Structure formats: structure tokens, C-alpha cells
């Protein structure tokens, strides 16, 4: 899906730029010289098997992970710059909310950090389908509801860049569709979204995809290009095809090919 014209894409600076980005954690290499750009005002999916480095990359982008090498620029500034704090929304895999506060009070607290009103907080709660539970204490919620509160806290600040680590895990299909419609509306309004997911059907809703495996970038391409390159209309099978080809190259001792990028 391409929702931004070529002229707009050419004139708008990327929201994120990585140049030979590397990260080590306790001396163990996690990300290996990644080069990519995330276009502004688009939905970019981050795909990869467990342990591929997706969460580490997201932590690097929001400035809570020290870089080991290369550069990472976010909204025109070095990742981690204090001036970026009010421009970013971040949802981790583990919900980061206060269990002893109600749903609405959690979102109001995070909204206040961005100068947002109580009405803004209620709007974020409604956006994730929790309006009927707004006064319920977070500790009394189910796992899926708990995650949705965390998502509302990320949304309430009206971020320029929204980074979501597995935002739909544990949610029912109807709510997943509702949230993806919300994500599309945010992108259409100018917000940039970077979303990791293990649900390959969700990859089809993204404008462009970053494919990670073992901390290396296998490609940056559109869903249609993924189908073409992976040799299958099924996105999951196409991605597995790319991984198998990468394994075959490694077994044969062949060099890693130049990274492919979405048009």
C-alpha cells in the first residue's frame, strides 16, 4: 500500500536514518551495521524471528539503548536527544503502567507529561476500546486489556513518531483490525509508525517492511516486493523463503548481497 505520493516522499526527510548501526549488549553483538531509512508519515513494519534484534533496534531508536557503532538519526536529531522526548511515543512488549491506578488515571498521568488534557486522555482510552473500563484499576484487567492501556499511554501524547513493540499480541481479531485502522489514520495525518509484529497478515497493512534475522537487515521492501522476492503470495511463506535463501548463502560461503530497498 502506498499512501504517500512520490513527490511528497522525495521532499520529506526520513523520520529515521541508520548508517552502519551496531549494538552490543554485554560484549555480545546484537545488531550488525544496519543501513536503512524509515519514511515519514508511513507505517513501517519490523519483522523477524524471535531473537533477531527487533526490540533492541526499537530501544535504540527511542534512545534507551547505547549504540556500539555507526549513527542513528531520529527526526533529524541523534537518537536519545532530550529534545526528542515529547515527539516520541513508545510501547514496549511489557506493559509499563501503574497497577494501582485506574485505566483513565494511567493515561491522564502520561498525557500530563506531554501537556495533554483529560479529554485527550479519554480519547486515547476510547481509541483502544477501553471506554467501558476507564475507571477500573489496572491490576484488575486481563492481559490483553493491560496491553491496551499501555498503548493508550503511548498514543495520548500525539507523537510525531510512534514506536510499537508487538502492540496487538493477545488481542482478539476484531480489536486488531480496529487498531490497525487507527494506525492508518495516524499515518494519514502525518504520524510515522514503526511497528513490530509476528502476525504476517499485519505485514500486509504496512507501507514498507524491515526484515531482520540474527541482527542483520535482510531487506527493506514493500509487502508486494516481499511476495515477489520470497516466491509466494503468502507473506509468511515469502519471508521464510528469504530466510532459507539467506541460510543457503551462508552455507555456501557466499557474500551477503546488497540490501534491497522499497521504492
Foldseek 3Di string as FASTA:
>chain_A
DDPDDPVVQVVADFQKFWAQWWADDPNHTQAGGDGDTHHWLFEEEEEEPPSLCPQVVLCLQQQNGDTPDTFMAGNRHGHNDPVCPLQEFEQDPDQDFDQAAFLLVRLQVLLVVLPFDSVLSCVLCVLQPNNVRRRPGLVPDDPLVSLSSSVSSRPSSLHLEYEYEASCPPHDPVSVVSNLVVVNVSSSVTRYYYYYHPDQVVLLSGQWYFYTGSNYTLAIEHQVVLCVCQVHNRNVSSSVSSVVVVVVCVVVVHDRDDHYHYD
